[in-house]
Amino acid sequence: MANKVSRYNNDQWETAKESVLQEYEDYKQTLRDQGVDYTIKNARKLLIYQDLVAEWEHKIGTVITDLEDNVFALSVFDDIKKRKQSTLLARGYEHISSWPDFNPTALALWLELEEDEAMA
């Protein structure tokens, strides 16, 4: 079996990871700034963000292995190129929020997003 060549190098993946983690930190800061009522109203969004970001908190080798074939996850590279920051979590939330009564594991979320992207 031939070794697979990633289309992005480790430095690019590190940048992507940092960007996604920063998007999460920015969202948590928004929750802090807006207060308890706002946070309660947005609890589902926070939980989905937590599940999505969990995959990006692994060591970079695991992040690459888990997400290098995921078209939706790879779209973060377009975010960085166009906007200089990630909108991956927000876009992921928009997709996931339309899935009624769906409570998957963090990796399953990424697989479902990839499937949705492939169908689009």
PDB file of N, CA and C in Angstrom:
ATOM      1  N   MET A   1       0.837  -1.181   0.000  1.00  0.00           N
ATOM      2  CA  MET A   1       0.000   0.000   0.000  1.00  0.00           C
ATOM      3  C   MET A   1       0.882   1.243   0.000  1.00  0.00           C
ATOM      4  N   ALA A   2       0.651   2.128  -0.932  1.00  0.00           N
ATOM      5  CA  ALA A   2       1.478   3.336  -1.067  1.00  0.00           C
ATOM      6  C   ALA A   2       1.134   4.335   0.032  1.00  0.00           C
ATOM      7  N   ASN A   3       2.141   5.107   0.420  1.00  0.00           N
ATOM      8  CA  ASN A   3       1.897   6.161   1.405  1.00  0.00           C
ATOM      9  C   ASN A   3       1.080   7.272   0.761  1.00  0.00           C
ATOM     10  N   LYS A   4       0.120   7.747   1.481  1.00  0.00           N
ATOM     11  CA  LYS A   4      -0.742   8.820   1.008  1.00  0.00           C
ATOM     12  C   LYS A   4      -0.040  10.154   1.218  1.00  0.00           C
ATOM     13  N   VAL A   5      -0.113  11.020   0.232  1.00  0.00           N
ATOM     14  CA  VAL A   5       0.499  12.336   0.336  1.00  0.00           C
ATOM     15  C   VAL A   5      -0.600  13.347   0.645  1.00  0.00           C
ATOM     16  N   SER A   6      -0.450  14.034   1.761  1.00  0.00           N
ATOM     17  CA  SER A   6      -1.429  15.031   2.167  1.00  0.00           C
ATOM     18  C   SER A   6      -1.298  16.261   1.279  1.00  0.00           C
ATOM     19  N   ARG A   7      -2.431  16.889   0.955  1.00  0.00           N
ATOM     20  CA  ARG A   7      -2.372  18.092   0.119  1.00  0.00           C
ATOM     21  C   ARG A   7      -1.952  19.323   0.905  1.00  0.00           C
ATOM     22  N   TYR A   8      -1.965  19.211   2.242  1.00  0.00           N
ATOM     23  CA  TYR A   8      -1.514  20.302   3.105  1.00  0.00           C
ATOM     24  C   TYR A   8      -0.421  19.785   4.020  1.00  0.00           C
ATOM     25  N   ASN A   9       0.566  20.627   4.300  1.00  0.00           N
ATOM     26  CA  ASN A   9       1.667  20.196   5.163  1.00  0.00           C
ATOM     27  C   ASN A   9       1.328  20.448   6.638  1.00  0.00           C
ATOM     28  N   ASN A  10       2.201  19.979   7.513  1.00  0.00           N
ATOM     29  CA  ASN A  10       1.947  20.101   8.959  1.00  0.00           C
ATOM     30  C   ASN A  10       1.787  21.551   9.406  1.00  0.00           C
ATOM     31  N   ASP A  11       2.586  22.457   8.841  1.00  0.00           N
ATOM     32  CA  ASP A  11       2.467  23.868   9.221  1.00  0.00           C
ATOM     33  C   ASP A  11       1.098  24.430   8.841  1.00  0.00           C
ATOM     34  N   GLN A  12       0.603  24.051   7.666  1.00  0.00           N
ATOM     35  CA  GLN A  12      -0.721  24.508   7.245  1.00  0.00           C
ATOM     36  C   GLN A  12      -1.803  23.938   8.158  1.00  0.00           C
ATOM     37  N   TRP A  13      -1.641  22.677   8.532  1.00  0.00           N
ATOM     38  CA  TRP A  13      -2.604  22.068   9.456  1.00  0.00           C
ATOM     39  C   TRP A  13      -2.547  22.739  10.819  1.00  0.00           C
ATOM     40  N   GLU A  14      -1.356  23.069  11.287  1.00  0.00           N
ATOM     41  CA  GLU A  14      -1.223  23.775  12.575  1.00  0.00           C
ATOM     42  C   GLU A  14      -1.936  25.125  12.512  1.00  0.00           C
ATOM     43  N   THR A  15      -1.767  25.831  11.401  1.00  0.00           N
ATOM     44  CA  THR A  15      -2.444  27.113  11.226  1.00  0.00           C
ATOM     45  C   THR A  15      -3.953  26.921  11.237  1.00  0.00           C
ATOM     46  N   ALA A  16      -4.421  25.884  10.546  1.00  0.00           N
ATOM     47  CA  ALA A  16      -5.858  25.591  10.524  1.00  0.00           C
ATOM     48  C   ALA A  16      -6.364  25.270  11.927  1.00  0.00           C
ATOM     49  N   LYS A  17      -5.620  24.452  12.624  1.00  0.00           N
ATOM     50  CA  LYS A  17      -6.003  24.075  13.993  1.00  0.00           C
ATOM     51  C   LYS A  17      -6.089  25.312  14.879  1.00  0.00           C
ATOM     52  N   GLU A  18      -5.075  26.160  14.827  1.00  0.00           N
ATOM     53  CA  GLU A  18      -5.060  27.381  15.629  1.00  0.00           C
ATOM     54  C   GLU A  18      -6.242  28.282  15.273  1.00  0.00           C
ATOM     55  N   SER A  19      -6.575  28.340  14.000  1.00  0.00           N
ATOM     56  CA  SER A  19      -7.680  29.168  13.548  1.00  0.00           C
ATOM     57  C   SER A  19      -9.023  28.661  14.068  1.00  0.00           C
ATOM     58  N   VAL A  20      -9.221  27.353  14.018  1.00  0.00           N
ATOM     59  CA  VAL A  20     -10.466  26.759  14.535  1.00  0.00           C
ATOM     60  C   VAL A  20     -10.551  26.966  16.045  1.00  0.00           C
ATOM     61  N   LEU A  21      -9.453  26.724  16.746  1.00  0.00           N
ATOM     62  CA  LEU A  21      -9.452  26.916  18.197  1.00  0.00           C
ATOM     63  C   LEU A  21      -9.698  28.383  18.554  1.00  0.00           C
ATOM     64  N   GLN A  22      -9.190  29.307  17.739  1.00  0.00           N
ATOM     65  CA  GLN A  22      -9.428  30.732  17.979  1.00  0.00           C
ATOM     66  C   GLN A  22     -10.891  31.088  17.740  1.00  0.00           C
ATOM     67  N   GLU A  23     -11.486  30.488  16.713  1.00  0.00           N
ATOM     68  CA  GLU A  23     -12.915  30.715  16.478  1.00  0.00           C
ATOM     69  C   GLU A  23     -13.722  30.295  17.708  1.00  0.00           C
ATOM     70  N   TYR A  24     -13.359  29.174  18.290  1.00  0.00           N
ATOM     71  CA  TYR A  24     -14.035  28.687  19.495  1.00  0.00           C
ATOM     72  C   TYR A  24     -13.826  29.645  20.671  1.00  0.00           C
ATOM     73  N   GLU A  25     -12.598  30.088  20.860  1.00  0.00           N
ATOM     74  CA  GLU A  25     -12.312  31.035  21.947  1.00  0.00           C
ATOM     75  C   GLU A  25     -13.093  32.336  21.759  1.00  0.00           C
ATOM     76  N   ASP A  26     -13.174  32.799  20.515  1.00  0.00           N
ATOM     77  CA  ASP A  26     -13.929  34.023  20.230  1.00  0.00           C
ATOM     78  C   ASP A  26     -15.409  33.837  20.558  1.00  0.00           C
ATOM     79  N   TYR A  27     -15.947  32.659  20.239  1.00  0.00           N
ATOM     80  CA  TYR A  27     -17.347  32.399  20.554  1.00  0.00           C
ATOM     81  C   TYR A  27     -17.568  32.367  22.069  1.00  0.00           C
ATOM     82  N   LYS A  28     -16.651  31.723  22.791  1.00  0.00           N
ATOM     83  CA  LYS A  28     -16.780  31.699  24.258  1.00  0.00           C
ATOM     84  C   LYS A  28     -16.706  33.109  24.832  1.00  0.00           C
ATOM     85  N   GLN A  29     -15.880  33.966  24.239  1.00  0.00           N
ATOM     86  CA  GLN A  29     -15.793  35.348  24.704  1.00  0.00           C
ATOM     87  C   GLN A  29     -17.110  36.086  24.443  1.00  0.00           C
ATOM     88  N   THR A  30     -17.729  35.813  23.307  1.00  0.00           N
ATOM     89  CA  THR A  30     -19.033  36.398  23.014  1.00  0.00           C
ATOM     90  C   THR A  30     -20.048  35.987  24.080  1.00  0.00           C
ATOM     91  N   LEU A  31     -20.029  34.718  24.451  1.00  0.00           N
ATOM     92  CA  LEU A  31     -20.940  34.243  25.503  1.00  0.00           C
ATOM     93  C   LEU A  31     -20.690  34.981  26.809  1.00  0.00           C
ATOM     94  N   ARG A  32     -19.418  35.145  27.164  1.00  0.00           N
ATOM     95  CA  ARG A  32     -19.080  35.865  28.402  1.00  0.00           C
ATOM     96  C   ARG A  32     -19.578  37.309  28.331  1.00  0.00           C
ATOM     97  N   ASP A  33     -19.347  37.939  27.179  1.00  0.00           N
ATOM     98  CA  ASP A  33     -19.734  39.342  27.015  1.00  0.00           C
ATOM     99  C   ASP A  33     -21.249  39.528  27.052  1.00  0.00           C
ATOM    100  N   GLN A  34     -21.978  38.571  26.494  1.00  0.00           N
ATOM    101  CA  GLN A  34     -23.438  38.693  26.387  1.00  0.00           C
ATOM    102  C   GLN A  34     -24.177  38.277  27.655  1.00  0.00           C
ATOM    103  N   GLY A  35     -23.530  37.478  28.497  1.00  0.00           N
ATOM    104  CA  GLY A  35     -24.130  37.124  29.771  1.00  0.00           C
ATOM    105  C   GLY A  35     -24.865  35.797  29.794  1.00  0.00           C
ATOM    106  N   VAL A  36     -25.424  35.515  30.958  1.00  0.00           N
ATOM    107  CA  VAL A  36     -26.029  34.219  31.250  1.00  0.00           C
ATOM    108  C   VAL A  36     -27.247  33.929  30.379  1.00  0.00           C
ATOM    109  N   ASP A  37     -28.154  34.886  30.254  1.00  0.00           N
ATOM    110  CA  ASP A  37     -29.379  34.642  29.470  1.00  0.00           C
ATOM    111  C   ASP A  37     -29.040  34.281  28.023  1.00  0.00           C
ATOM    112  N   TYR A  38     -28.137  35.029  27.435  1.00  0.00           N
ATOM    113  CA  TYR A  38     -27.707  34.754  26.056  1.00  0.00           C
ATOM    114  C   TYR A  38     -27.071  33.365  25.970  1.00  0.00           C
ATOM    115  N   THR A  39     -26.244  33.030  26.932  1.00  0.00           N
ATOM    116  CA  THR A  39     -25.568  31.734  26.943  1.00  0.00           C
ATOM    117  C   THR A  39     -26.575  30.600  27.056  1.00  0.00           C
ATOM    118  N   ILE A  40     -27.561  30.759  27.895  1.00  0.00           N
ATOM    119  CA  ILE A  40     -28.595  29.731  28.049  1.00  0.00           C
ATOM    120  C   ILE A  40     -29.363  29.560  26.736  1.00  0.00           C
ATOM    121  N   LYS A  41     -29.721  30.671  26.097  1.00  0.00           N
ATOM    122  CA  LYS A  41     -30.450  30.601  24.827  1.00  0.00           C
ATOM    123  C   LYS A  41     -29.613  29.939  23.733  1.00  0.00           C
ATOM    124  N   ASN A  42     -28.301  29.995  23.869  1.00  0.00           N
ATOM    125  CA  ASN A  42     -27.408  29.445  22.849  1.00  0.00           C
ATOM    126  C   ASN A  42     -26.683  28.185  23.319  1.00  0.00           C
ATOM    127  N   ALA A  43     -27.264  27.490  24.280  1.00  0.00           N
ATOM    128  CA  ALA A  43     -26.615  26.305  24.861  1.00  0.00           C
ATOM    129  C   ALA A  43     -26.373  25.214  23.825  1.00  0.00           C
ATOM    130  N   ARG A  44     -27.339  24.964  22.946  1.00  0.00           N
ATOM    131  CA  ARG A  44     -27.149  23.913  21.933  1.00  0.00           C
ATOM    132  C   ARG A  44     -25.975  24.265  21.011  1.00  0.00           C
ATOM    133  N   LYS A  45     -25.885  25.533  20.643  1.00  0.00           N
ATOM    134  CA  LYS A  45     -24.781  25.970  19.795  1.00  0.00           C
ATOM    135  C   LYS A  45     -23.447  25.741  20.500  1.00  0.00           C
ATOM    136  N   LEU A  46     -23.386  26.078  21.771  1.00  0.00           N
ATOM    137  CA  LEU A  46     -22.162  25.861  22.544  1.00  0.00           C
ATOM    138  C   LEU A  46     -21.798  24.383  22.576  1.00  0.00           C
ATOM    139  N   LEU A  47     -22.778  23.522  22.810  1.00  0.00           N
ATOM    140  CA  LEU A  47     -22.508  22.079  22.851  1.00  0.00           C
ATOM    141  C   LEU A  47     -22.015  21.560  21.499  1.00  0.00           C
ATOM    142  N   ILE A  48     -22.601  22.030  20.430  1.00  0.00           N
ATOM    143  CA  ILE A  48     -22.159  21.605  19.100  1.00  0.00           C
ATOM    144  C   ILE A  48     -20.749  22.116  18.827  1.00  0.00           C
ATOM    145  N   TYR A  49     -20.474  23.364  19.164  1.00  0.00           N
ATOM    146  CA  TYR A  49     -19.118  23.891  19.010  1.00  0.00           C
ATOM    147  C   TYR A  49     -18.122  23.032  19.795  1.00  0.00           C
ATOM    148  N   GLN A  50     -18.494  22.669  21.031  1.00  0.00           N
ATOM    149  CA  GLN A  50     -17.602  21.850  21.852  1.00  0.00           C
ATOM    150  C   GLN A  50     -17.318  20.512  21.184  1.00  0.00           C
ATOM    151  N   ASP A  51     -18.345  19.892  20.623  1.00  0.00           N
ATOM    152  CA  ASP A  51     -18.145  18.612  19.935  1.00  0.00           C
ATOM    153  C   ASP A  51     -17.276  18.779  18.693  1.00  0.00           C
ATOM    154  N   LEU A  52     -17.536  19.836  17.928  1.00  0.00           N
ATOM    155  CA  LEU A  52     -16.748  20.051  16.712  1.00  0.00           C
ATOM    156  C   LEU A  52     -15.286  20.363  17.033  1.00  0.00           C
ATOM    157  N   VAL A  53     -15.075  21.200  18.003  1.00  0.00           N
ATOM    158  CA  VAL A  53     -13.707  21.611  18.323  1.00  0.00           C
ATOM    159  C   VAL A  53     -12.914  20.473  18.962  1.00  0.00           C
ATOM    160  N   ALA A  54     -13.596  19.510  19.576  1.00  0.00           N
ATOM    161  CA  ALA A  54     -12.907  18.388  20.226  1.00  0.00           C
ATOM    162  C   ALA A  54     -11.980  17.656  19.253  1.00  0.00           C
ATOM    163  N   GLU A  55     -12.410  17.521  18.026  1.00  0.00           N
ATOM    164  CA  GLU A  55     -11.586  16.828  17.034  1.00  0.00           C
ATOM    165  C   GLU A  55     -10.311  17.612  16.713  1.00  0.00           C
ATOM    166  N   TRP A  56     -10.370  18.924  16.817  1.00  0.00           N
ATOM    167  CA  TRP A  56      -9.227  19.784  16.504  1.00  0.00           C
ATOM    168  C   TRP A  56      -8.271  19.937  17.691  1.00  0.00           C
ATOM    169  N   GLU A  57      -8.674  19.470  18.866  1.00  0.00           N
ATOM    170  CA  GLU A  57      -7.821  19.589  20.052  1.00  0.00           C
ATOM    171  C   GLU A  57      -6.814  18.453  20.185  1.00  0.00           C
ATOM    172  N   HIS A  58      -6.903  17.457  19.322  1.00  0.00           N
ATOM    173  CA  HIS A  58      -5.945  16.356  19.343  1.00  0.00           C
ATOM    174  C   HIS A  58      -4.577  16.825  18.855  1.00  0.00           C
ATOM    175  N   LYS A  59      -3.591  15.970  19.033  1.00  0.00           N
ATOM    176  CA  LYS A  59      -2.273  16.241  18.463  1.00  0.00           C
ATOM    177  C   LYS A  59      -2.429  16.341  16.954  1.00  0.00           C
ATOM    178  N   ILE A  60      -1.577  17.115  16.316  1.00  0.00           N
ATOM    179  CA  ILE A  60      -1.734  17.445  14.903  1.00  0.00           C
ATOM    180  C   ILE A  60      -1.777  16.202  14.011  1.00  0.00           C
ATOM    181  N   GLY A  61      -1.013  15.178  14.339  1.00  0.00           N
ATOM    182  CA  GLY A  61      -1.041  13.951  13.538  1.00  0.00           C
ATOM    183  C   GLY A  61      -2.410  13.294  13.533  1.00  0.00           C
ATOM    184  N   THR A  62      -3.072  13.306  14.676  1.00  0.00           N
ATOM    185  CA  THR A  62      -4.422  12.739  14.777  1.00  0.00           C
ATOM    186  C   THR A  62      -5.422  13.605  14.025  1.00  0.00           C
ATOM    187  N   VAL A  63      -5.276  14.922  14.137  1.00  0.00           N
ATOM    188  CA  VAL A  63      -6.163  15.837  13.410  1.00  0.00           C
ATOM    189  C   VAL A  63      -6.071  15.545  11.911  1.00  0.00           C
ATOM    190  N   ILE A  64      -4.854  15.440  11.419  1.00  0.00           N
ATOM    191  CA  ILE A  64      -4.650  15.190   9.990  1.00  0.00           C
ATOM    192  C   ILE A  64      -5.259  13.852   9.589  1.00  0.00           C
ATOM    193  N   THR A  65      -4.953  12.810  10.343  1.00  0.00           N
ATOM    194  CA  THR A  65      -5.469  11.474  10.024  1.00  0.00           C
ATOM    195  C   THR A  65      -6.992  11.451  10.013  1.00  0.00           C
ATOM    196  N   ASP A  66      -7.602  12.100  10.991  1.00  0.00           N
ATOM    197  CA  ASP A  66      -9.059  12.060  11.108  1.00  0.00           C
ATOM    198  C   ASP A  66      -9.771  12.946  10.086  1.00  0.00           C
ATOM    199  N   LEU A  67      -9.141  14.054   9.677  1.00  0.00           N
ATOM    200  CA  LEU A  67      -9.873  15.042   8.888  1.00  0.00           C
ATOM    201  C   LEU A  67      -9.331  15.305   7.486  1.00  0.00           C
ATOM    202  N   GLU A  68      -8.208  14.697   7.098  1.00  0.00           N
ATOM    203  CA  GLU A  68      -7.595  15.039   5.812  1.00  0.00           C
ATOM    204  C   GLU A  68      -8.439  14.678   4.592  1.00  0.00           C
ATOM    205  N   ASP A  69      -9.387  13.781   4.737  1.00  0.00           N
ATOM    206  CA  ASP A  69     -10.262  13.423   3.621  1.00  0.00           C
ATOM    207  C   ASP A  69     -11.664  14.021   3.769  1.00  0.00           C
ATOM    208  N   ASN A  70     -11.859  14.830   4.783  1.00  0.00           N
ATOM    209  CA  ASN A  70     -13.170  15.403   5.059  1.00  0.00           C
ATOM    210  C   ASN A  70     -13.291  16.750   4.343  1.00  0.00           C
ATOM    211  N   VAL A  71     -14.102  16.770   3.291  1.00  0.00           N
ATOM    212  CA  VAL A  71     -14.234  17.960   2.463  1.00  0.00           C
ATOM    213  C   VAL A  71     -14.689  19.164   3.291  1.00  0.00           C
ATOM    214  N   PHE A  72     -15.621  18.936   4.202  1.00  0.00           N
ATOM    215  CA  PHE A  72     -16.104  20.043   5.026  1.00  0.00           C
ATOM    216  C   PHE A  72     -14.981  20.578   5.919  1.00  0.00           C
ATOM    217  N   ALA A  73     -14.265  19.704   6.579  1.00  0.00           N
ATOM    218  CA  ALA A  73     -13.165  20.138   7.456  1.00  0.00           C
ATOM    219  C   ALA A  73     -12.090  20.863   6.655  1.00  0.00           C
ATOM    220  N   LEU A  74     -11.816  20.381   5.448  1.00  0.00           N
ATOM    221  CA  LEU A  74     -10.790  21.008   4.616  1.00  0.00           C
ATOM    222  C   LEU A  74     -11.178  22.413   4.162  1.00  0.00           C
ATOM    223  N   SER A  75     -12.460  22.726   4.223  1.00  0.00           N
ATOM    224  CA  SER A  75     -12.889  24.065   3.821  1.00  0.00           C
ATOM    225  C   SER A  75     -12.314  25.154   4.729  1.00  0.00           C
ATOM    226  N   VAL A  76     -11.775  24.770   5.873  1.00  0.00           N
ATOM    227  CA  VAL A  76     -11.126  25.750   6.750  1.00  0.00           C
ATOM    228  C   VAL A  76      -9.936  26.403   6.038  1.00  0.00           C
ATOM    229  N   PHE A  77      -9.300  25.673   5.138  1.00  0.00           N
ATOM    230  CA  PHE A  77      -8.172  26.245   4.407  1.00  0.00           C
ATOM    231  C   PHE A  77      -8.638  27.369   3.482  1.00  0.00           C
ATOM    232  N   ASP A  78      -9.832  27.249   2.916  1.00  0.00           N
ATOM    233  CA  ASP A  78     -10.404  28.337   2.120  1.00  0.00           C
ATOM    234  C   ASP A  78     -10.728  29.535   3.005  1.00  0.00           C
ATOM    235  N   ASP A  79     -11.263  29.258   4.206  1.00  0.00           N
ATOM    236  CA  ASP A  79     -11.526  30.337   5.167  1.00  0.00           C
ATOM    237  C   ASP A  79     -10.260  31.144   5.422  1.00  0.00           C
ATOM    238  N   ILE A  80      -9.201  30.436   5.717  1.00  0.00           N
ATOM    239  CA  ILE A  80      -7.943  31.098   6.071  1.00  0.00           C
ATOM    240  C   ILE A  80      -7.419  31.912   4.890  1.00  0.00           C
ATOM    241  N   LYS A  81      -7.532  31.337   3.703  1.00  0.00           N
ATOM    242  CA  LYS A  81      -7.055  32.027   2.498  1.00  0.00           C
ATOM    243  C   LYS A  81      -7.871  33.287   2.228  1.00  0.00           C
ATOM    244  N   LYS A  82      -9.202  33.186   2.345  1.00  0.00           N
ATOM    245  CA  LYS A  82     -10.090  34.299   1.997  1.00  0.00           C
ATOM    246  C   LYS A  82     -10.298  35.290   3.130  1.00  0.00           C
ATOM    247  N   ARG A  83     -10.447  34.770   4.365  1.00  0.00           N
ATOM    248  CA  ARG A  83     -10.844  35.627   5.481  1.00  0.00           C
ATOM    249  C   ARG A  83      -9.773  35.786   6.557  1.00  0.00           C
ATOM    250  N   LYS A  84      -8.719  35.000   6.451  1.00  0.00           N
ATOM    251  CA  LYS A  84      -7.633  35.017   7.450  1.00  0.00           C
ATOM    252  C   LYS A  84      -8.089  34.505   8.811  1.00  0.00           C
ATOM    253  N   GLN A  85      -9.259  33.845   8.860  1.00  0.00           N
ATOM    254  CA  GLN A  85      -9.752  33.252  10.106  1.00  0.00           C
ATOM    255  C   GLN A  85     -10.759  32.156   9.764  1.00  0.00           C
ATOM    256  N   SER A  86     -11.029  31.305  10.721  1.00  0.00           N
ATOM    257  CA  SER A  86     -11.958  30.195  10.536  1.00  0.00           C
ATOM    258  C   SER A  86     -13.402  30.626  10.750  1.00  0.00           C
ATOM    259  N   THR A  87     -14.274  30.099   9.901  1.00  0.00           N
ATOM    260  CA  THR A  87     -15.721  30.170  10.126  1.00  0.00           C
ATOM    261  C   THR A  87     -16.277  28.742  10.139  1.00  0.00           C
ATOM    262  N   LEU A  88     -15.382  27.775  10.286  1.00  0.00           N
ATOM    263  CA  LEU A  88     -15.741  26.366  10.195  1.00  0.00           C
ATOM    264  C   LEU A  88     -16.777  25.957  11.244  1.00  0.00           C
ATOM    265  N   LEU A  89     -16.593  26.373  12.475  1.00  0.00           N
ATOM    266  CA  LEU A  89     -17.524  25.993  13.532  1.00  0.00           C
ATOM    267  C   LEU A  89     -18.901  26.606  13.291  1.00  0.00           C
ATOM    268  N   ALA A  90     -18.927  27.861  12.888  1.00  0.00           N
ATOM    269  CA  ALA A  90     -20.204  28.523  12.625  1.00  0.00           C
ATOM    270  C   ALA A  90     -20.930  27.847  11.462  1.00  0.00           C
ATOM    271  N   ARG A  91     -20.195  27.525  10.411  1.00  0.00           N
ATOM    272  CA  ARG A  91     -20.812  26.853   9.270  1.00  0.00           C
ATOM    273  C   ARG A  91     -21.256  25.441   9.637  1.00  0.00           C
ATOM    274  N   GLY A  92     -20.444  24.763  10.430  1.00  0.00           N
ATOM    275  CA  GLY A  92     -20.817  23.438  10.910  1.00  0.00           C
ATOM    276  C   GLY A  92     -22.078  23.483  11.741  1.00  0.00           C
ATOM    277  N   TYR A  93     -22.169  24.471  12.610  1.00  0.00           N
ATOM    278  CA  TYR A  93     -23.366  24.630  13.434  1.00  0.00           C
ATOM    279  C   TYR A  93     -24.602  24.847  12.570  1.00  0.00           C
ATOM    280  N   GLU A  94     -24.477  25.658  11.534  1.00  0.00           N
ATOM    281  CA  GLU A  94     -25.620  25.914  10.652  1.00  0.00           C
ATOM    282  C   GLU A  94     -26.146  24.613  10.050  1.00  0.00           C
ATOM    283  N   HIS A  95     -25.250  23.741   9.619  1.00  0.00           N
ATOM    284  CA  HIS A  95     -25.667  22.437   9.079  1.00  0.00           C
ATOM    285  C   HIS A  95     -26.298  21.574  10.177  1.00  0.00           C
ATOM    286  N   ILE A  96     -25.594  21.451  11.276  1.00  0.00           N
ATOM    287  CA  ILE A  96     -25.995  20.527  12.347  1.00  0.00           C
ATOM    288  C   ILE A  96     -27.292  20.964  13.014  1.00  0.00           C
ATOM    289  N   SER A  97     -27.511  22.253  13.130  1.00  0.00           N
ATOM    290  CA  SER A  97     -28.719  22.730  13.810  1.00  0.00           C
ATOM    291  C   SER A  97     -29.988  22.313  13.076  1.00  0.00           C
ATOM    292  N   SER A  98     -29.859  21.936  11.819  1.00  0.00           N
ATOM    293  CA  SER A  98     -31.043  21.480  11.076  1.00  0.00           C
ATOM    294  C   SER A  98     -31.261  19.972  11.204  1.00  0.00           C
ATOM    295  N   TRP A  99     -30.404  19.281  11.941  1.00  0.00           N
ATOM    296  CA  TRP A  99     -30.554  17.841  12.143  1.00  0.00           C
ATOM    297  C   TRP A  99     -31.369  17.609  13.414  1.00  0.00           C
ATOM    298  N   PRO A 100     -32.637  17.274  13.313  1.00  0.00           N
ATOM    299  CA  PRO A 100     -33.451  17.105  14.523  1.00  0.00           C
ATOM    300  C   PRO A 100     -33.041  15.868  15.327  1.00  0.00           C
ATOM    301  N   ASP A 101     -33.025  16.023  16.619  1.00  0.00           N
ATOM    302  CA  ASP A 101     -32.779  14.904  17.547  1.00  0.00           C
ATOM    303  C   ASP A 101     -31.555  14.075  17.187  1.00  0.00           C
ATOM    304  N   PHE A 102     -30.491  14.740  16.799  1.00  0.00           N
ATOM    305  CA  PHE A 102     -29.277  14.030  16.413  1.00  0.00           C
ATOM    306  C   PHE A 102     -28.193  14.379  17.421  1.00  0.00           C
ATOM    307  N   ASN A 103     -27.680  13.386  18.136  1.00  0.00           N
ATOM    308  CA  ASN A 103     -26.690  13.622  19.173  1.00  0.00           C
ATOM    309  C   ASN A 103     -25.509  12.671  18.992  1.00  0.00           C
ATOM    310  N   PRO A 104     -24.704  12.886  17.958  1.00  0.00           N
ATOM    311  CA  PRO A 104     -23.602  11.973  17.644  1.00  0.00           C
ATOM    312  C   PRO A 104     -22.335  12.289  18.429  1.00  0.00           C
ATOM    313  N   THR A 105     -21.337  11.432  18.245  1.00  0.00           N
ATOM    314  CA  THR A 105     -20.011  11.690  18.802  1.00  0.00           C
ATOM    315  C   THR A 105     -19.350  12.793  17.980  1.00  0.00           C
ATOM    316  N   ALA A 106     -18.280  13.346  18.496  1.00  0.00           N
ATOM    317  CA  ALA A 106     -17.594  14.436  17.795  1.00  0.00           C
ATOM    318  C   ALA A 106     -17.128  14.021  16.397  1.00  0.00           C
ATOM    319  N   LEU A 107     -16.512  12.854  16.269  1.00  0.00           N
ATOM    320  CA  LEU A 107     -16.038  12.424  14.955  1.00  0.00           C
ATOM    321  C   LEU A 107     -17.207  12.156  14.016  1.00  0.00           C
ATOM    322  N   ALA A 108     -18.301  11.624  14.545  1.00  0.00           N
ATOM    323  CA  ALA A 108     -19.480  11.378  13.709  1.00  0.00           C
ATOM    324  C   ALA A 108     -20.019  12.680  13.126  1.00  0.00           C
ATOM    325  N   LEU A 109     -19.931  13.781  13.879  1.00  0.00           N
ATOM    326  CA  LEU A 109     -20.349  15.073  13.342  1.00  0.00           C
ATOM    327  C   LEU A 109     -19.578  15.407  12.081  1.00  0.00           C
ATOM    328  N   TRP A 110     -18.269  15.202  12.120  1.00  0.00           N
ATOM    329  CA  TRP A 110     -17.441  15.519  10.954  1.00  0.00           C
ATOM    330  C   TRP A 110     -17.776  14.611   9.781  1.00  0.00           C
ATOM    331  N   LEU A 111     -18.063  13.363  10.046  1.00  0.00           N
ATOM    332  CA  LEU A 111     -18.429  12.438   8.972  1.00  0.00           C
ATOM    333  C   LEU A 111     -19.771  12.837   8.354  1.00  0.00           C
ATOM    334  N   GLU A 112     -20.721  13.242   9.186  1.00  0.00           N
ATOM    335  CA  GLU A 112     -22.015  13.698   8.680  1.00  0.00           C
ATOM    336  C   GLU A 112     -21.868  14.982   7.872  1.00  0.00           C
ATOM    337  N   LEU A 113     -21.035  15.917   8.350  1.00  0.00           N
ATOM    338  CA  LEU A 113     -20.807  17.159   7.602  1.00  0.00           C
ATOM    339  C   LEU A 113     -20.170  16.865   6.254  1.00  0.00           C
ATOM    340  N   GLU A 114     -19.234  15.904   6.240  1.00  0.00           N
ATOM    341  CA  GLU A 114     -18.600  15.530   4.976  1.00  0.00           C
ATOM    342  C   GLU A 114     -19.639  14.976   4.014  1.00  0.00           C
ATOM    343  N   GLU A 115     -20.542  14.133   4.532  1.00  0.00           N
ATOM    344  CA  GLU A 115     -21.593  13.555   3.699  1.00  0.00           C
ATOM    345  C   GLU A 115     -22.517  14.648   3.159  1.00  0.00           C
ATOM    346  N   ASP A 116     -22.904  15.597   4.015  1.00  0.00           N
ATOM    347  CA  ASP A 116     -23.742  16.704   3.575  1.00  0.00           C
ATOM    348  C   ASP A 116     -23.059  17.512   2.472  1.00  0.00           C
ATOM    349  N   GLU A 117     -21.768  17.771   2.640  1.00  0.00           N
ATOM    350  CA  GLU A 117     -21.003  18.543   1.672  1.00  0.00           C
ATOM    351  C   GLU A 117     -20.927  17.811   0.338  1.00  0.00           C
ATOM    352  N   ALA A 118     -20.759  16.494   0.391  1.00  0.00           N
ATOM    353  CA  ALA A 118     -20.672  15.701  -0.831  1.00  0.00           C
ATOM    354  C   ALA A 118     -21.987  15.719  -1.603  1.00  0.00           C
ATOM    355  N   MET A 119     -23.103  15.814  -0.877  1.00  0.00           N
ATOM    356  CA  MET A 119     -24.417  15.834  -1.514  1.00  0.00           C
ATOM    357  C   MET A 119     -24.783  17.204  -2.051  1.00  0.00           C
ATOM    358  N   ALA A 120     -24.101  18.244  -1.570  1.00  0.00           N
ATOM    359  CA  ALA A 120     -24.445  19.611  -1.972  1.00  0.00           C
ATOM    360  C   ALA A 120     -24.059  19.910  -3.405  1.00  0.00           C
TER     361      ALA A 120
END
